[in-house]
N, C-alpha and C. Protein backbone atom coordinates (compact mmCIF):
# COMPACT_ATOMS: atom_id res chain seq x y z
N MET A 1 -16.46 7.61 23.63
CA MET A 1 -15.99 8.60 22.40
C MET A 1 -14.33 8.69 21.85
N ALA A 2 -15.20 9.00 20.13
CA ALA A 2 -13.34 8.91 19.42
C ALA A 2 -12.45 9.86 19.55
N ASN A 3 -11.36 10.63 19.86
CA ASN A 3 -10.92 11.68 19.66
C ASN A 3 -11.43 12.46 19.53
N LYS A 4 -10.34 13.25 20.86
CA LYS A 4 -10.91 15.01 20.16
C LYS A 4 -9.85 15.59 19.48
N ILE A 5 -10.70 16.64 19.22
CA ILE A 5 -9.80 17.95 18.61
C ILE A 5 -9.91 18.91 19.99
N GLU A 6 -9.48 19.32 19.50
CA GLU A 6 -9.61 20.84 20.15
C GLU A 6 -8.56 22.01 19.78
N HIS A 7 -9.03 23.70 19.65
CA HIS A 7 -8.56 24.40 19.76
C HIS A 7 -8.68 24.92 20.50
N LYS A 8 -7.82 26.67 21.02
CA LYS A 8 -8.76 27.44 21.44
C LYS A 8 -8.72 28.49 21.04
N GLY A 9 -9.80 29.35 21.51
CA GLY A 9 -10.33 30.00 19.72
C GLY A 9 -11.19 31.63 21.20
N THR A 10 -11.63 32.43 20.13
CA THR A 10 -12.04 33.57 20.80
C THR A 10 -12.92 33.80 19.76
N VAL A 11 -15.14 33.94 20.81
CA VAL A 11 -15.53 33.76 20.31
C VAL A 11 -16.12 35.46 19.87
N GLU A 12 -16.64 35.50 18.62
CA GLU A 12 -16.46 36.35 16.78
C GLU A 12 -18.07 37.42 17.15
N ARG A 13 -18.69 36.64 17.52
CA ARG A 13 -20.25 36.72 17.00
C ARG A 13 -21.56 35.43 17.87
N VAL A 14 -22.53 35.87 18.37
CA VAL A 14 -23.15 35.40 19.37
C VAL A 14 -24.17 35.41 18.72
N GLU A 15 -25.41 34.27 17.59
CA GLU A 15 -26.48 35.70 16.96
C GLU A 15 -27.35 34.61 18.26
N GLU A 16 -28.69 33.97 17.86
CA GLU A 16 -29.84 33.35 18.14
C GLU A 16 -29.69 31.77 18.26
N GLY A 17 -29.24 30.69 19.16
CA GLY A 17 -29.32 29.46 18.72
C GLY A 17 -27.51 29.02 17.87
N HIS A 18 -26.44 30.52 17.34
CA HIS A 18 -25.16 30.37 16.91
C HIS A 18 -24.00 30.86 17.05
N ILE A 19 -23.34 30.72 17.33
CA ILE A 19 -22.09 31.65 17.97
C ILE A 19 -20.88 30.86 16.94
N GLN A 20 -20.45 32.60 16.35
CA GLN A 20 -18.54 32.18 15.94
C GLN A 20 -17.13 32.75 16.32
N VAL A 21 -16.47 30.89 16.79
CA VAL A 21 -15.51 31.43 17.26
C VAL A 21 -13.91 31.74 16.14
N ARG A 22 -13.68 32.11 16.47
CA ARG A 22 -12.31 32.11 14.94
C ARG A 22 -11.55 31.21 16.03
N ILE A 23 -10.80 31.34 15.76
CA ILE A 23 -9.45 30.14 15.81
C ILE A 23 -8.17 30.48 14.80
N LEU A 24 -7.36 29.33 15.88
CA LEU A 24 -6.08 29.59 14.83
C LEU A 24 -5.11 27.97 14.61
N GLN A 25 -5.58 27.33 13.39
CA GLN A 25 -5.28 26.41 13.46
C GLN A 25 -4.19 26.72 12.54
N THR A 26 -2.51 25.92 13.43
CA THR A 26 -1.49 26.19 13.29
C THR A 26 -0.68 24.44 11.84
N SER A 27 0.14 24.59 11.94
CA SER A 27 0.62 23.29 11.55
C SER A 27 1.18 23.22 12.23
N ALA A 28 2.01 21.24 12.10
CA ALA A 28 2.90 20.76 13.59
C ALA A 28 4.51 21.41 13.26
N CYS A 29 4.48 22.16 12.34
CA CYS A 29 6.04 22.61 12.93
C CYS A 29 5.86 24.03 12.63
N SER A 30 4.93 24.50 13.87
CA SER A 30 4.68 25.95 13.60
C SER A 30 5.14 25.86 15.41
N GLU A 31 4.57 24.25 15.93
CA GLU A 31 5.03 24.81 17.25
C GLU A 31 6.47 25.04 17.77
N CYS A 32 7.07 24.75 17.02
CA CYS A 32 8.22 24.03 17.04
C CYS A 32 9.77 25.33 17.63
N HIS A 33 10.08 24.99 17.91
CA HIS A 33 11.37 26.74 18.34
C HIS A 33 12.15 27.47 17.87
N ALA A 34 12.34 26.81 16.61
CA ALA A 34 13.20 27.11 15.12
C ALA A 34 12.57 27.25 14.54
N LYS A 35 11.01 27.35 13.93
CA LYS A 35 9.92 28.01 13.61
C LYS A 35 10.19 29.79 12.97
N SER A 36 11.40 30.25 14.27
CA SER A 36 11.63 31.57 13.09
C SER A 36 12.61 31.43 11.69
N LEU A 37 13.62 29.92 11.86
CA LEU A 37 14.69 29.90 10.83
C LEU A 37 13.91 29.24 9.74
N CYS A 38 12.60 28.34 9.96
CA CYS A 38 12.12 27.57 8.89
C CYS A 38 11.38 28.62 7.86
N SER A 39 10.86 28.67 6.60
CA SER A 39 10.15 28.92 5.78
C SER A 39 8.93 28.25 5.94
N SER A 40 8.58 26.61 6.50
CA SER A 40 7.52 26.40 6.71
C SER A 40 7.02 26.00 7.59
N SER A 41 6.30 26.40 8.53
CA SER A 41 5.91 27.00 9.52
C SER A 41 4.45 28.26 9.22
N GLU A 42 3.42 27.53 9.17
CA GLU A 42 2.82 28.04 9.05
C GLU A 42 1.24 28.24 9.71
N SER A 43 0.21 29.15 9.56
CA SER A 43 -1.14 28.80 10.31
C SER A 43 -1.98 29.91 9.56
N LYS A 44 -2.60 29.49 9.91
CA LYS A 44 -4.17 30.56 9.59
C LYS A 44 -5.63 30.70 10.95
N GLU A 45 -6.02 31.09 10.07
CA GLU A 45 -7.56 31.80 11.26
C GLU A 45 -8.68 31.60 11.23
N LYS A 46 -9.34 30.53 11.43
CA LYS A 46 -10.61 30.09 10.34
C LYS A 46 -12.32 30.52 11.16
N LEU A 47 -13.04 30.87 10.75
CA LEU A 47 -14.15 30.56 11.48
C LEU A 47 -15.39 29.75 11.86
N ILE A 48 -15.58 29.41 13.09
CA ILE A 48 -15.99 27.93 13.84
C ILE A 48 -17.10 28.14 13.85
N ASP A 49 -18.26 27.70 13.31
CA ASP A 49 -20.18 27.86 13.65
C ASP A 49 -20.04 26.34 14.39
N ILE A 50 -20.48 26.82 15.51
CA ILE A 50 -21.09 26.45 16.51
C ILE A 50 -22.73 26.88 16.41
N TYR A 51 -23.36 25.64 16.27
CA TYR A 51 -25.22 25.95 16.95
C TYR A 51 -24.99 25.55 17.45
N THR A 52 -26.14 25.83 19.23
CA THR A 52 -26.12 25.85 20.89
C THR A 52 -26.81 26.64 20.75
N PRO A 53 -27.93 25.86 22.37
CA PRO A 53 -29.18 26.42 22.64
C PRO A 53 -28.48 27.17 23.60
N SER A 54 -27.36 27.13 24.07
CA SER A 54 -26.27 27.72 25.56
C SER A 54 -25.88 28.63 25.09
N PHE A 55 -26.01 29.32 23.17
CA PHE A 55 -25.08 30.73 23.81
C PHE A 55 -25.53 32.35 24.23
N THR A 56 -25.91 31.80 25.18
CA THR A 56 -26.29 33.32 26.15
C THR A 56 -25.74 32.79 26.79
N LYS A 57 -25.06 31.91 26.93
CA LYS A 57 -23.31 32.15 28.21
C LYS A 57 -22.59 33.26 27.37
N TYR A 58 -22.97 32.98 25.78
CA TYR A 58 -21.30 33.97 25.62
C TYR A 58 -21.13 34.63 25.36
N LYS A 59 -20.28 35.62 25.41
CA LYS A 59 -20.20 37.28 24.97
C LYS A 59 -18.90 36.83 24.43
N VAL A 60 -19.13 37.94 23.25
CA VAL A 60 -17.82 38.46 21.98
C VAL A 60 -17.06 39.05 22.92
N GLY A 61 -15.21 37.95 22.89
CA GLY A 61 -14.27 37.99 22.76
C GLY A 61 -13.79 37.41 24.18
N ASP A 62 -14.60 36.43 24.35
CA ASP A 62 -14.26 35.20 25.33
C ASP A 62 -13.98 34.08 25.09
N GLU A 63 -12.87 33.43 25.82
CA GLU A 63 -12.03 33.05 25.05
C GLU A 63 -12.66 30.84 25.69
N VAL A 64 -12.63 30.84 25.04
CA VAL A 64 -13.65 29.46 24.42
C VAL A 64 -12.40 27.56 24.30
N ASN A 65 -12.50 26.96 24.10
CA ASN A 65 -12.05 25.95 23.30
C ASN A 65 -13.22 24.79 22.48
N VAL A 66 -13.15 25.36 21.73
CA VAL A 66 -13.82 24.45 20.27
C VAL A 66 -13.41 22.76 20.22
N CYS A 67 -14.54 21.97 20.50
CA CYS A 67 -13.90 20.53 20.15
C CYS A 67 -14.53 19.66 18.54
N GLY A 68 -14.18 18.61 18.54
CA GLY A 68 -14.05 17.93 17.94
C GLY A 68 -13.82 16.64 17.53
N THR A 69 -14.05 16.33 16.76
CA THR A 69 -13.39 14.59 16.41
C THR A 69 -12.23 14.18 16.19
N GLU A 70 -11.90 13.75 15.50
CA GLU A 70 -11.23 12.94 14.60
C GLU A 70 -11.81 12.12 13.85
N THR A 71 -12.42 11.55 13.91
CA THR A 71 -13.60 11.25 12.80
C THR A 71 -14.05 12.00 12.22
N MET A 72 -15.14 13.21 12.49
CA MET A 72 -15.51 13.47 11.73
C MET A 72 -14.60 14.96 10.84
N SER A 73 -13.63 15.24 11.23
CA SER A 73 -12.07 15.59 9.82
C SER A 73 -11.50 13.95 8.88
N ARG A 74 -11.62 12.72 9.45
CA ARG A 74 -12.30 11.51 8.54
C ARG A 74 -12.96 12.13 7.37
N ASN A 75 -13.77 12.53 8.26
CA ASN A 75 -14.82 12.05 7.47
C ASN A 75 -15.21 13.32 6.08
N ALA A 76 -14.26 14.03 6.77
CA ALA A 76 -14.59 15.62 6.10
C ALA A 76 -13.79 15.38 4.03
N ILE A 77 -12.41 14.71 5.52
CA ILE A 77 -11.66 14.48 4.13
C ILE A 77 -12.35 13.68 2.93
N LEU A 78 -12.60 12.81 3.40
CA LEU A 78 -13.15 11.48 1.80
C LEU A 78 -14.24 12.47 1.35
N ILE A 79 -14.82 13.29 2.46
CA ILE A 79 -16.24 13.44 1.70
C ILE A 79 -16.00 14.84 0.04
N ALA A 80 -14.97 15.24 0.39
CA ALA A 80 -14.16 16.48 0.04
C ALA A 80 -12.88 16.23 -1.11
N PHE A 81 -12.24 15.08 -0.98
CA PHE A 81 -11.37 15.21 -2.28
C PHE A 81 -11.18 13.47 -2.10
N GLY A 82 -11.74 12.31 -1.07
CA GLY A 82 -11.72 10.53 -1.30
C GLY A 82 -12.76 10.73 -2.47
N LEU A 83 -13.59 10.71 -2.22
CA LEU A 83 -15.10 10.33 -2.94
C LEU A 83 -15.21 11.17 -4.44
N PRO A 84 -14.82 12.15 -4.50
CA PRO A 84 -14.72 12.85 -5.85
C PRO A 84 -13.11 11.75 -6.90
N LEU A 85 -12.32 12.26 -6.49
CA LEU A 85 -11.25 11.49 -6.74
C LEU A 85 -11.07 10.59 -7.72
N LEU A 86 -11.79 9.33 -6.24
CA LEU A 86 -12.86 7.76 -6.94
C LEU A 86 -13.51 7.99 -7.81
N LEU A 87 -14.32 9.30 -8.06
CA LEU A 87 -15.19 9.34 -8.88
C LEU A 87 -15.09 9.75 -10.19
N ILE A 88 -13.69 10.09 -10.16
CA ILE A 88 -12.93 11.16 -11.31
C ILE A 88 -12.27 9.47 -12.12
N ILE A 89 -11.48 9.25 -11.49
CA ILE A 89 -11.34 7.50 -11.74
C ILE A 89 -12.31 6.67 -12.27
N LEU A 90 -12.80 6.09 -11.64
CA LEU A 90 -13.42 5.47 -11.71
C LEU A 90 -14.52 5.85 -13.02
N TRP A 91 -15.48 7.30 -12.95
CA TRP A 91 -15.61 7.08 -15.05
C TRP A 91 -14.65 7.60 -15.92
N ILE A 92 -13.46 8.91 -15.94
CA ILE A 92 -12.15 7.71 -16.66
C ILE A 92 -11.67 6.93 -17.50
N THR A 93 -12.10 5.56 -15.95
CA THR A 93 -11.99 3.82 -17.02
C THR A 93 -12.83 3.59 -17.92
N ILE A 94 -13.91 4.07 -17.13
CA ILE A 94 -14.92 3.46 -17.69
C ILE A 94 -15.70 4.27 -18.67
N SER A 95 -15.19 5.22 -19.18
CA SER A 95 -14.78 6.13 -19.94
C SER A 95 -14.17 5.71 -21.53
N ILE A 96 -13.05 5.54 -21.08
CA ILE A 96 -12.47 5.16 -22.13
C ILE A 96 -12.45 3.32 -22.35
N LEU A 97 -12.26 2.82 -21.98
CA LEU A 97 -12.27 0.98 -21.71
C LEU A 97 -13.29 0.40 -21.90
N LEU A 98 -13.63 0.67 -21.40
CA LEU A 98 -15.64 0.47 -21.22
C LEU A 98 -16.32 1.10 -22.52
N LEU A 99 -17.15 2.07 -22.77
CA LEU A 99 -17.48 3.03 -23.06
C LEU A 99 -16.81 3.23 -25.28
N GLN A 100 -15.44 3.63 -24.77
CA GLN A 100 -14.67 4.02 -25.00
C GLN A 100 -15.42 5.45 -25.99
N LEU A 101 -15.16 6.02 -25.29
CA LEU A 101 -15.43 7.61 -25.99
C LEU A 101 -14.20 8.37 -26.00
N ASP A 102 -13.97 9.42 -26.90
CA ASP A 102 -12.85 10.14 -26.71
C ASP A 102 -12.48 10.94 -25.51
N GLU A 103 -11.18 11.71 -25.12
CA GLU A 103 -11.12 13.24 -24.20
C GLU A 103 -11.77 13.66 -24.08
N GLY A 104 -13.10 14.39 -25.27
CA GLY A 104 -13.39 15.53 -25.05
C GLY A 104 -14.95 15.55 -24.57
N GLU A 105 -15.21 13.97 -25.08
CA GLU A 105 -16.73 13.27 -24.32
C GLU A 105 -17.06 12.64 -23.31
N THR A 106 -15.21 12.53 -22.39
CA THR A 106 -14.65 11.79 -21.32
C THR A 106 -15.12 13.27 -20.56
N MET A 107 -14.61 13.61 -20.96
CA MET A 107 -14.32 15.30 -20.01
C MET A 107 -15.36 15.91 -19.75
N VAL A 108 -16.75 16.07 -20.80
CA VAL A 108 -18.03 16.31 -20.24
C VAL A 108 -18.30 15.67 -19.96
N GLY A 109 -18.93 14.17 -19.58
CA GLY A 109 -18.86 13.27 -18.52
C GLY A 109 -18.25 13.60 -17.34
N LEU A 110 -16.85 14.03 -17.15
CA LEU A 110 -17.10 14.21 -15.90
C LEU A 110 -16.96 15.74 -15.00
N ALA A 111 -17.38 16.47 -16.16
CA ALA A 111 -17.38 17.98 -15.41
C ALA A 111 -19.07 17.19 -14.56
N VAL A 112 -19.92 17.07 -15.48
CA VAL A 112 -21.22 16.03 -15.51
C VAL A 112 -21.49 15.89 -13.97
N ILE A 113 -20.66 14.08 -13.94
CA ILE A 113 -20.75 13.94 -12.86
C ILE A 113 -20.11 14.52 -11.25
N MET A 114 -18.77 15.49 -11.33
CA MET A 114 -18.71 16.74 -10.71
C MET A 114 -19.42 17.61 -10.61
N SER A 115 -20.25 17.55 -11.38
CA SER A 115 -21.50 18.37 -10.67
C SER A 115 -23.02 18.45 -9.84
N VAL A 116 -22.88 16.83 -10.84
CA VAL A 116 -23.84 16.22 -9.60
C VAL A 116 -23.66 16.35 -8.45
N TYR A 117 -22.18 15.33 -8.62
CA TYR A 117 -22.32 15.65 -7.77
C TYR A 117 -22.19 16.21 -5.78
N TYR A 118 -21.33 17.80 -6.40
CA TYR A 118 -21.25 18.82 -5.27
C TYR A 118 -23.09 19.49 -5.58
N LEU A 119 -23.82 18.75 -6.14
CA LEU A 119 -25.30 20.02 -6.71
C LEU A 119 -25.96 18.85 -5.22
N ILE A 120 -25.80 17.39 -4.62
CA ILE A 120 -26.43 16.66 -3.89
C ILE A 120 -25.43 16.82 -2.35
N LEU A 121 -24.29 17.46 -2.56
CA LEU A 121 -23.24 18.09 -1.48
C LEU A 121 -24.01 18.28 -0.99
N ARG A 122 -24.40 20.15 -2.22
CA ARG A 122 -25.16 21.33 -1.95
C ARG A 122 -26.28 21.08 -1.02
N LEU A 123 -26.97 19.61 -1.57
CA LEU A 123 -28.65 19.63 -1.39
C LEU A 123 -28.83 18.90 -0.25
N LEU A 124 -27.30 18.18 0.61
CA LEU A 124 -27.00 17.18 2.17
C LEU A 124 -26.39 18.20 2.97
N ASN A 125 -26.55 20.34 2.37
CA ASN A 125 -25.82 20.66 3.18
C ASN A 125 -26.36 20.72 4.93
N LYS A 126 -27.51 20.83 4.95
CA LYS A 126 -28.07 21.02 6.25
C LYS A 126 -27.82 19.55 7.42
N LYS A 127 -27.86 17.89 6.69
CA LYS A 127 -27.39 16.88 7.37
C LYS A 127 -26.07 16.62 7.26
N LEU A 128 -24.98 17.27 6.54
CA LEU A 128 -23.96 16.82 6.79
C LEU A 128 -23.62 18.36 7.68
N THR A 129 -23.97 19.69 7.80
CA THR A 129 -24.07 20.80 8.99
C THR A 129 -24.11 19.65 10.45
N LYS A 130 -24.89 19.66 10.91
CA LYS A 130 -25.35 18.76 11.52
C LYS A 130 -24.15 16.81 12.43
N SER A 131 -24.26 16.92 11.10
CA SER A 131 -23.53 15.77 11.30
C SER A 131 -21.51 16.26 11.18
N PHE A 132 -21.84 16.94 11.12
CA PHE A 132 -19.98 18.03 11.20
C PHE A 132 -20.72 19.21 12.74
N ALA A 133 -20.96 18.74 13.57
CA ALA A 133 -20.72 19.61 14.69
C ALA A 133 -20.18 20.02 15.15
N PHE A 134 -19.11 20.77 16.04
CA PHE A 134 -18.77 21.41 16.84
C PHE A 134 -19.08 21.41 18.09
N TRP A 135 -18.19 21.40 19.00
CA TRP A 135 -18.40 21.82 20.11
C TRP A 135 -18.07 22.98 21.00
N ILE A 136 -18.05 23.05 21.66
CA ILE A 136 -17.97 24.62 23.36
C ILE A 136 -17.32 24.13 24.27
N LYS A 137 -16.21 23.70 24.85
CA LYS A 137 -15.67 23.05 25.96
C LYS A 137 -14.97 24.17 27.25
N ASP A 138 -15.11 24.33 27.24
CA ASP A 138 -15.58 25.33 28.25
C ASP A 138 -15.37 25.76 30.22
N ASN A 139 -14.23 25.03 30.51
CA ASN A 139 -14.25 25.70 32.51
C ASN A 139 -15.15 23.59 33.03
N ASN A 140 -13.77 22.54 32.05
CA ASN A 140 -14.60 21.41 32.37
C ASN A 140 -15.98 21.22 32.00
N LYS A 141 -17.22 22.14 31.89
CA LYS A 141 -18.17 21.85 30.88
C LYS A 141 -18.60 22.34 29.62
N THR A 142 -19.29 20.84 28.74
CA THR A 142 -19.68 20.69 27.47
C THR A 142 -20.70 21.27 27.61
N ILE A 143 -20.73 22.15 25.90
CA ILE A 143 -21.97 22.52 25.43
C ILE A 143 -22.60 22.56 24.06
């Protein structure tokens, strides 16, 4: 398996087949002993959805470890930022150099392309949710 990313969290909600865990995502410098003197340290609370048939083992307030993989992280960044940037660069290059559209037409075309891209992502939501599935590692048991 690829390198794991693991965060400690607290179970916020338990529903049938679904657990919601609150994690505290910290920046790399937030662990530094000098963070109180530095203005760049930051942390954010995030809610992570975990879909599991073992949801009955957990109750609100339980401390758990939420796991994912580095591959999931890289793929999410690629889908969210890399592919849209590539589409933008390609469309602007093609529309101005090959199609010789003016700036207004180029921007309208870009809006259409980005809308279609995010609509496709929305339609693929269930498939993406499965491929970006987090799991809980609890007391050396993986669920």
